[in-house]
Amino acid sequence: MISSILLAAAATVPATPVWSPTVGIIISASCFVVLLLSLASKAPKLGPQLPILPVSVAGFIGAMAFGHVIGIGIVLGLTNIGRL
């Protein structure tokens, strides 16, 4: 049974953008920026290392997850103000 509060909230959710190359570029760029910023952390090389990047596996996964969260926020924010 769906709560009436959930039904009321579902009616107020704005339309989300359809995936396009612009959305992919925004999310990829934000992941790259967060990955670069993760190199400035206290222990970027703690744990198993990636063979190509100077960051650990855990740091890479964390940076990619946080980059996606930031990228999705940017995409939804730009959509909400009508720029995307």
PDB file of N, CA and C in Angstrom:
ATOM      1  N   MET A   1       0.840  -1.174   0.000  1.00  0.00           N
ATOM      2  CA  MET A   1       0.000   0.000   0.000  1.00  0.00           C
ATOM      3  C   MET A   1       0.889   1.241   0.000  1.00  0.00           C
ATOM      4  N   ILE A   2       0.641   2.144  -0.894  1.00  0.00           N
ATOM      5  CA  ILE A   2       1.442   3.352  -1.015  1.00  0.00           C
ATOM      6  C   ILE A   2       0.836   4.439  -0.132  1.00  0.00           C
ATOM      7  N   SER A   3       1.699   5.077   0.625  1.00  0.00           N
ATOM      8  CA  SER A   3       1.262   6.127   1.526  1.00  0.00           C
ATOM      9  C   SER A   3       0.823   7.359   0.738  1.00  0.00           C
ATOM     10  N   SER A   4      -0.133   8.082   1.280  1.00  0.00           N
ATOM     11  CA  SER A   4      -0.602   9.295   0.601  1.00  0.00           C
ATOM     12  C   SER A   4       0.480  10.366   0.581  1.00  0.00           C
ATOM     13  N   ILE A   5       1.400  10.336   1.538  1.00  0.00           N
ATOM     14  CA  ILE A   5       2.499  11.298   1.543  1.00  0.00           C
ATOM     15  C   ILE A   5       3.416  11.050   0.347  1.00  0.00           C
ATOM     16  N   LEU A   6       3.683   9.776   0.042  1.00  0.00           N
ATOM     17  CA  LEU A   6       4.510   9.458  -1.113  1.00  0.00           C
ATOM     18  C   LEU A   6       3.832   9.860  -2.412  1.00  0.00           C
ATOM     19  N   LEU A   7       2.537   9.685  -2.491  1.00  0.00           N
ATOM     20  CA  LEU A   7       1.813  10.091  -3.694  1.00  0.00           C
ATOM     21  C   LEU A   7       1.848  11.603  -3.861  1.00  0.00           C
ATOM     22  N   ALA A   8       1.742  12.339  -2.768  1.00  0.00           N
ATOM     23  CA  ALA A   8       1.804  13.798  -2.839  1.00  0.00           C
ATOM     24  C   ALA A   8       3.194  14.255  -3.245  1.00  0.00           C
ATOM     25  N   ALA A   9       4.221  13.583  -2.744  1.00  0.00           N
ATOM     26  CA  ALA A   9       5.593  13.948  -3.095  1.00  0.00           C
ATOM     27  C   ALA A   9       5.886  13.612  -4.554  1.00  0.00           C
ATOM     28  N   ALA A  10       5.346  12.529  -5.049  1.00  0.00           N
ATOM     29  CA  ALA A  10       5.595  12.128  -6.436  1.00  0.00           C
ATOM     30  C   ALA A  10       4.999  13.126  -7.415  1.00  0.00           C
ATOM     31  N   ALA A  11       3.952  13.802  -7.035  1.00  0.00           N
ATOM     32  CA  ALA A  11       3.330  14.770  -7.929  1.00  0.00           C
ATOM     33  C   ALA A  11       4.159  16.049  -8.038  1.00  0.00           C
ATOM     34  N   THR A  12       5.023  16.315  -7.075  1.00  0.00           N
ATOM     35  CA  THR A  12       5.785  17.560  -7.086  1.00  0.00           C
ATOM     36  C   THR A  12       7.208  17.401  -7.599  1.00  0.00           C
ATOM     37  N   VAL A  13       7.609  16.209  -7.997  1.00  0.00           N
ATOM     38  CA  VAL A  13       8.966  15.984  -8.494  1.00  0.00           C
ATOM     39  C   VAL A  13       9.070  16.544  -9.911  1.00  0.00           C
ATOM     40  N   PRO A  14      10.046  17.431 -10.160  1.00  0.00           N
ATOM     41  CA  PRO A  14      10.178  17.980 -11.509  1.00  0.00           C
ATOM     42  C   PRO A  14      10.679  16.919 -12.487  1.00  0.00           C
ATOM     43  N   ALA A  15      10.468  17.175 -13.745  1.00  0.00           N
ATOM     44  CA  ALA A  15      10.915  16.240 -14.782  1.00  0.00           C
ATOM     45  C   ALA A  15      12.438  16.194 -14.809  1.00  0.00           C
ATOM     46  N   THR A  16      12.977  15.001 -14.887  1.00  0.00           N
ATOM     47  CA  THR A  16      14.422  14.856 -14.977  1.00  0.00           C
ATOM     48  C   THR A  16      14.831  14.830 -16.444  1.00  0.00           C
ATOM     49  N   PRO A  17      16.060  15.249 -16.742  1.00  0.00           N
ATOM     50  CA  PRO A  17      16.462  15.311 -18.150  1.00  0.00           C
ATOM     51  C   PRO A  17      16.685  13.916 -18.732  1.00  0.00           C
ATOM     52  N   VAL A  18      16.461  13.818 -20.010  1.00  0.00           N
ATOM     53  CA  VAL A  18      16.773  12.590 -20.734  1.00  0.00           C
ATOM     54  C   VAL A  18      18.284  12.541 -20.908  1.00  0.00           C
ATOM     55  N   TRP A  19      18.860  11.338 -20.841  1.00  0.00           N
ATOM     56  CA  TRP A  19      20.302  11.237 -20.976  1.00  0.00           C
ATOM     57  C   TRP A  19      20.723  11.719 -22.346  1.00  0.00           C
ATOM     58  N   SER A  20      21.785  12.510 -22.367  1.00  0.00           N
ATOM     59  CA  SER A  20      22.366  13.005 -23.612  1.00  0.00           C
ATOM     60  C   SER A  20      23.880  13.062 -23.428  1.00  0.00           C
ATOM     61  N   PRO A  21      24.618  13.263 -24.493  1.00  0.00           N
ATOM     62  CA  PRO A  21      26.070  13.383 -24.337  1.00  0.00           C
ATOM     63  C   PRO A  21      26.473  14.539 -23.415  1.00  0.00           C
ATOM     64  N   THR A  22      25.685  15.598 -23.376  1.00  0.00           N
ATOM     65  CA  THR A  22      25.987  16.712 -22.478  1.00  0.00           C
ATOM     66  C   THR A  22      25.923  16.268 -21.021  1.00  0.00           C
ATOM     67  N   VAL A  23      24.914  15.484 -20.675  1.00  0.00           N
ATOM     68  CA  VAL A  23      24.789  14.964 -19.313  1.00  0.00           C
ATOM     69  C   VAL A  23      25.977  14.064 -18.994  1.00  0.00           C
ATOM     70  N   GLY A  24      26.362  13.212 -19.918  1.00  0.00           N
ATOM     71  CA  GLY A  24      27.505  12.328 -19.713  1.00  0.00           C
ATOM     72  C   GLY A  24      28.808  13.094 -19.540  1.00  0.00           C
ATOM     73  N   ILE A  25      28.982  14.163 -20.300  1.00  0.00           N
ATOM     74  CA  ILE A  25      30.195  14.976 -20.193  1.00  0.00           C
ATOM     75  C   ILE A  25      30.251  15.669 -18.838  1.00  0.00           C
ATOM     76  N   ILE A  26      29.131  16.185 -18.370  1.00  0.00           N
ATOM     77  CA  ILE A  26      29.097  16.857 -17.068  1.00  0.00           C
ATOM     78  C   ILE A  26      29.453  15.887 -15.953  1.00  0.00           C
ATOM     79  N   ILE A  27      28.869  14.703 -15.969  1.00  0.00           N
ATOM     80  CA  ILE A  27      29.145  13.723 -14.920  1.00  0.00           C
ATOM     81  C   ILE A  27      30.585  13.223 -15.023  1.00  0.00           C
ATOM     82  N   SER A  28      31.090  12.981 -16.223  1.00  0.00           N
ATOM     83  CA  SER A  28      32.471  12.527 -16.387  1.00  0.00           C
ATOM     84  C   SER A  28      33.468  13.588 -15.934  1.00  0.00           C
ATOM     85  N   ALA A  29      33.198  14.845 -16.268  1.00  0.00           N
ATOM     86  CA  ALA A  29      34.097  15.922 -15.848  1.00  0.00           C
ATOM     87  C   ALA A  29      34.107  16.073 -14.335  1.00  0.00           C
ATOM     88  N   SER A  30      32.951  15.946 -13.699  1.00  0.00           N
ATOM     89  CA  SER A  30      32.915  16.057 -12.245  1.00  0.00           C
ATOM     90  C   SER A  30      33.637  14.876 -11.590  1.00  0.00           C
ATOM     91  N   CYS A  31      33.541  13.684 -12.167  1.00  0.00           N
ATOM     92  CA  CYS A  31      34.294  12.535 -11.641  1.00  0.00           C
ATOM     93  C   CYS A  31      35.790  12.768 -11.770  1.00  0.00           C
ATOM     94  N   PHE A  32      36.231  13.319 -12.897  1.00  0.00           N
ATOM     95  CA  PHE A  32      37.650  13.589 -13.101  1.00  0.00           C
ATOM     96  C   PHE A  32      38.165  14.627 -12.111  1.00  0.00           C
ATOM     97  N   VAL A  33      37.390  15.687 -11.883  1.00  0.00           N
ATOM     98  CA  VAL A  33      37.793  16.731 -10.938  1.00  0.00           C
ATOM     99  C   VAL A  33      37.886  16.165  -9.525  1.00  0.00           C
ATOM    100  N   VAL A  34      36.911  15.359  -9.126  1.00  0.00           N
ATOM    101  CA  VAL A  34      36.942  14.775  -7.784  1.00  0.00           C
ATOM    102  C   VAL A  34      38.102  13.799  -7.660  1.00  0.00           C
ATOM    103  N   LEU A  35      38.427  13.069  -8.717  1.00  0.00           N
ATOM    104  CA  LEU A  35      39.588  12.178  -8.681  1.00  0.00           C
ATOM    105  C   LEU A  35      40.874  12.969  -8.480  1.00  0.00           C
ATOM    106  N   LEU A  36      41.007  14.105  -9.159  1.00  0.00           N
ATOM    107  CA  LEU A  36      42.183  14.945  -8.961  1.00  0.00           C
ATOM    108  C   LEU A  36      42.228  15.499  -7.543  1.00  0.00           C
ATOM    109  N   LEU A  37      41.077  15.880  -7.006  1.00  0.00           N
ATOM    110  CA  LEU A  37      41.042  16.394  -5.645  1.00  0.00           C
ATOM    111  C   LEU A  37      41.333  15.306  -4.617  1.00  0.00           C
ATOM    112  N   SER A  38      41.026  14.063  -4.952  1.00  0.00           N
ATOM    113  CA  SER A  38      41.298  12.978  -4.002  1.00  0.00           C
ATOM    114  C   SER A  38      42.793  12.733  -3.835  1.00  0.00           C
ATOM    115  N   LEU A  39      43.596  13.165  -4.784  1.00  0.00           N
ATOM    116  CA  LEU A  39      45.040  13.019  -4.658  1.00  0.00           C
ATOM    117  C   LEU A  39      45.591  13.921  -3.559  1.00  0.00           C
ATOM    118  N   ALA A  40      44.834  14.929  -3.166  1.00  0.00           N
ATOM    119  CA  ALA A  40      45.268  15.840  -2.116  1.00  0.00           C
ATOM    120  C   ALA A  40      44.848  15.348  -0.728  1.00  0.00           C
ATOM    121  N   SER A  41      44.254  14.162  -0.648  1.00  0.00           N
ATOM    122  CA  SER A  41      43.833  13.646   0.653  1.00  0.00           C
ATOM    123  C   SER A  41      45.051  13.212   1.472  1.00  0.00           C
ATOM    124  N   LYS A  42      44.830  12.930   2.751  1.00  0.00           N
ATOM    125  CA  LYS A  42      45.929  12.568   3.640  1.00  0.00           C
ATOM    126  C   LYS A  42      46.608  11.265   3.226  1.00  0.00           C
ATOM    127  N   ALA A  43      45.831  10.285   2.820  1.00  0.00           N
ATOM    128  CA  ALA A  43      46.395   8.976   2.491  1.00  0.00           C
ATOM    129  C   ALA A  43      45.820   8.459   1.170  1.00  0.00           C
ATOM    130  N   PRO A  44      46.187   9.076   0.030  1.00  0.00           N
ATOM    131  CA  PRO A  44      45.627   8.603  -1.236  1.00  0.00           C
ATOM    132  C   PRO A  44      46.185   7.249  -1.671  1.00  0.00           C
ATOM    133  N   LYS A  45      47.308   6.840  -1.091  1.00  0.00           N
ATOM    134  CA  LYS A  45      47.944   5.586  -1.505  1.00  0.00           C
ATOM    135  C   LYS A  45      47.844   4.502  -0.448  1.00  0.00           C
ATOM    136  N   LEU A  46      46.855   4.596   0.426  1.00  0.00           N
ATOM    137  CA  LEU A  46      46.677   3.607   1.476  1.00  0.00           C
ATOM    138  C   LEU A  46      45.863   2.441   0.929  1.00  0.00           C
ATOM    139  N   GLY A  47      46.406   1.249   0.905  1.00  0.00           N
ATOM    140  CA  GLY A  47      45.732   0.068   0.392  1.00  0.00           C
ATOM    141  C   GLY A  47      46.287  -0.335  -0.956  1.00  0.00           C
ATOM    142  N   PRO A  48      45.611  -1.279  -1.634  1.00  0.00           N
ATOM    143  CA  PRO A  48      46.082  -1.744  -2.942  1.00  0.00           C
ATOM    144  C   PRO A  48      46.076  -0.606  -3.966  1.00  0.00           C
ATOM    145  N   GLN A  49      47.124  -0.544  -4.757  1.00  0.00           N
ATOM    146  CA  GLN A  49      47.280   0.538  -5.728  1.00  0.00           C
ATOM    147  C   GLN A  49      46.717   0.159  -7.090  1.00  0.00           C
ATOM    148  N   LEU A  50      46.262   1.158  -7.824  1.00  0.00           N
ATOM    149  CA  LEU A  50      45.891   0.963  -9.220  1.00  0.00           C
ATOM    150  C   LEU A  50      47.159   1.010 -10.063  1.00  0.00           C
ATOM    151  N   PRO A  51      47.242   0.231 -11.132  1.00  0.00           N
ATOM    152  CA  PRO A  51      48.482   0.199 -11.908  1.00  0.00           C
ATOM    153  C   PRO A  51      48.750   1.474 -12.702  1.00  0.00           C
ATOM    154  N   ILE A  52      47.730   2.248 -13.028  1.00  0.00           N
ATOM    155  CA  ILE A  52      47.917   3.426 -13.880  1.00  0.00           C
ATOM    156  C   ILE A  52      47.922   4.717 -13.073  1.00  0.00           C
ATOM    157  N   LEU A  53      46.981   4.859 -12.145  1.00  0.00           N
ATOM    158  CA  LEU A  53      46.817   6.101 -11.393  1.00  0.00           C
ATOM    159  C   LEU A  53      47.539   6.035 -10.051  1.00  0.00           C
ATOM    160  N   PRO A  54      48.017   7.174  -9.566  1.00  0.00           N
ATOM    161  CA  PRO A  54      48.690   7.185  -8.254  1.00  0.00           C
ATOM    162  C   PRO A  54      47.694   7.285  -7.100  1.00  0.00           C
ATOM    163  N   VAL A  55      46.700   6.415  -7.098  1.00  0.00           N
ATOM    164  CA  VAL A  55      45.670   6.418  -6.063  1.00  0.00           C
ATOM    165  C   VAL A  55      45.300   4.968  -5.763  1.00  0.00           C
ATOM    166  N   SER A  56      44.819   4.727  -4.555  1.00  0.00           N
ATOM    167  CA  SER A  56      44.448   3.364  -4.187  1.00  0.00           C
ATOM    168  C   SER A  56      43.089   3.000  -4.775  1.00  0.00           C
ATOM    169  N   VAL A  57      42.769   1.723  -4.715  1.00  0.00           N
ATOM    170  CA  VAL A  57      41.482   1.248  -5.229  1.00  0.00           C
ATOM    171  C   VAL A  57      40.337   1.892  -4.448  1.00  0.00           C
ATOM    172  N   ALA A  58      40.479   1.931  -3.123  1.00  0.00           N
ATOM    173  CA  ALA A  58      39.419   2.530  -2.300  1.00  0.00           C
ATOM    174  C   ALA A  58      39.263   4.017  -2.590  1.00  0.00           C
ATOM    175  N   GLY A  59      40.375   4.719  -2.783  1.00  0.00           N
ATOM    176  CA  GLY A  59      40.305   6.140  -3.114  1.00  0.00           C
ATOM    177  C   GLY A  59      39.653   6.370  -4.467  1.00  0.00           C
ATOM    178  N   PHE A  60      39.945   5.495  -5.432  1.00  0.00           N
ATOM    179  CA  PHE A  60      39.357   5.615  -6.763  1.00  0.00           C
ATOM    180  C   PHE A  60      37.846   5.379  -6.720  1.00  0.00           C
ATOM    181  N   ILE A  61      37.427   4.333  -6.019  1.00  0.00           N
ATOM    182  CA  ILE A  61      35.988   4.036  -5.932  1.00  0.00           C
ATOM    183  C   ILE A  61      35.261   5.159  -5.207  1.00  0.00           C
ATOM    184  N   GLY A  62      35.864   5.656  -4.127  1.00  0.00           N
ATOM    185  CA  GLY A  62      35.250   6.760  -3.398  1.00  0.00           C
ATOM    186  C   GLY A  62      35.149   8.016  -4.237  1.00  0.00           C
ATOM    187  N   ALA A  63      36.199   8.321  -4.996  1.00  0.00           N
ATOM    188  CA  ALA A  63      36.184   9.513  -5.842  1.00  0.00           C
ATOM    189  C   ALA A  63      35.146   9.389  -6.949  1.00  0.00           C
ATOM    190  N   MET A  64      35.027   8.221  -7.551  1.00  0.00           N
ATOM    191  CA  MET A  64      34.040   8.046  -8.610  1.00  0.00           C
ATOM    192  C   MET A  64      32.613   8.142  -8.070  1.00  0.00           C
ATOM    193  N   ALA A  65      32.380   7.564  -6.903  1.00  0.00           N
ATOM    194  CA  ALA A  65      31.038   7.640  -6.312  1.00  0.00           C
ATOM    195  C   ALA A  65      30.687   9.084  -5.979  1.00  0.00           C
ATOM    196  N   PHE A  66      31.622   9.800  -5.343  1.00  0.00           N
ATOM    197  CA  PHE A  66      31.357  11.190  -4.987  1.00  0.00           C
ATOM    198  C   PHE A  66      31.237  12.052  -6.240  1.00  0.00           C
ATOM    199  N   GLY A  67      32.021  11.771  -7.271  1.00  0.00           N
ATOM    200  CA  GLY A  67      31.927  12.514  -8.534  1.00  0.00           C
ATOM    201  C   GLY A  67      30.576  12.342  -9.197  1.00  0.00           C
ATOM    202  N   HIS A  68      30.024  11.128  -9.143  1.00  0.00           N
ATOM    203  CA  HIS A  68      28.694  10.913  -9.698  1.00  0.00           C
ATOM    204  C   HIS A  68      27.636  11.676  -8.912  1.00  0.00           C
ATOM    205  N   VAL A  69      27.763  11.692  -7.594  1.00  0.00           N
ATOM    206  CA  VAL A  69      26.797  12.438  -6.776  1.00  0.00           C
ATOM    207  C   VAL A  69      26.860  13.925  -7.123  1.00  0.00           C
ATOM    208  N   ILE A  70      28.056  14.475  -7.225  1.00  0.00           N
ATOM    209  CA  ILE A  70      28.219  15.891  -7.576  1.00  0.00           C
ATOM    210  C   ILE A  70      27.703  16.148  -9.002  1.00  0.00           C
ATOM    211  N   GLY A  71      28.047  15.266  -9.930  1.00  0.00           N
ATOM    212  CA  GLY A  71      27.595  15.435 -11.317  1.00  0.00           C
ATOM    213  C   GLY A  71      26.088  15.382 -11.459  1.00  0.00           C
ATOM    214  N   ILE A  72      25.455  14.465 -10.747  1.00  0.00           N
ATOM    215  CA  ILE A  72      23.996  14.375 -10.805  1.00  0.00           C
ATOM    216  C   ILE A  72      23.376  15.624 -10.200  1.00  0.00           C
ATOM    217  N   GLY A  73      23.971  16.126  -9.130  1.00  0.00           N
ATOM    218  CA  GLY A  73      23.480  17.380  -8.543  1.00  0.00           C
ATOM    219  C   GLY A  73      23.599  18.544  -9.509  1.00  0.00           C
ATOM    220  N   ILE A  74      24.701  18.608 -10.239  1.00  0.00           N
ATOM    221  CA  ILE A  74      24.885  19.672 -11.224  1.00  0.00           C
ATOM    222  C   ILE A  74      23.861  19.548 -12.342  1.00  0.00           C
ATOM    223  N   VAL A  75      23.666  18.332 -12.848  1.00  0.00           N
ATOM    224  CA  VAL A  75      22.710  18.122 -13.941  1.00  0.00           C
ATOM    225  C   VAL A  75      21.292  18.477 -13.494  1.00  0.00           C
ATOM    226  N   LEU A  76      20.882  18.012 -12.328  1.00  0.00           N
ATOM    227  CA  LEU A  76      19.543  18.323 -11.855  1.00  0.00           C
ATOM    228  C   LEU A  76      19.375  19.816 -11.546  1.00  0.00           C
ATOM    229  N   GLY A  77      20.432  20.439 -11.028  1.00  0.00           N
ATOM    230  CA  GLY A  77      20.368  21.879 -10.772  1.00  0.00           C
ATOM    231  C   GLY A  77      20.255  22.670 -12.064  1.00  0.00           C
ATOM    232  N   LEU A  78      21.053  22.316 -13.060  1.00  0.00           N
ATOM    233  CA  LEU A  78      20.964  23.010 -14.347  1.00  0.00           C
ATOM    234  C   LEU A  78      19.620  22.786 -15.028  1.00  0.00           C
ATOM    235  N   THR A  79      19.072  21.591 -14.871  1.00  0.00           N
ATOM    236  CA  THR A  79      17.756  21.316 -15.443  1.00  0.00           C
ATOM    237  C   THR A  79      16.683  22.141 -14.728  1.00  0.00           C
ATOM    238  N   ASN A  80      16.810  22.253 -13.421  1.00  0.00           N
ATOM    239  CA  ASN A  80      15.816  22.976 -12.635  1.00  0.00           C
ATOM    240  C   ASN A  80      15.788  24.466 -12.990  1.00  0.00           C
ATOM    241  N   ILE A  81      16.945  25.056 -13.316  1.00  0.00           N
ATOM    242  CA  ILE A  81      16.949  26.473 -13.672  1.00  0.00           C
ATOM    243  C   ILE A  81      16.771  26.691 -15.168  1.00  0.00           C
ATOM    244  N   GLY A  82      16.629  25.612 -15.926  1.00  0.00           N
ATOM    245  CA  GLY A  82      16.334  25.726 -17.344  1.00  0.00           C
ATOM    246  C   GLY A  82      17.542  25.892 -18.239  1.00  0.00           C
ATOM    247  N   ARG A  83      18.736  25.577 -17.776  1.00  0.00           N
ATOM    248  CA  ARG A  83      19.935  25.728 -18.586  1.00  0.00           C
ATOM    249  C   ARG A  83      20.322  24.469 -19.349  1.00  0.00           C
ATOM    250  N   LEU A  84      19.695  23.351 -19.007  1.00  0.00           N
ATOM    251  CA  LEU A  84      20.069  22.096 -19.657  1.00  0.00           C
ATOM    252  C   LEU A  84      18.860  21.464 -20.280  1.00  0.00           C
TER     253      LEU A  84
END
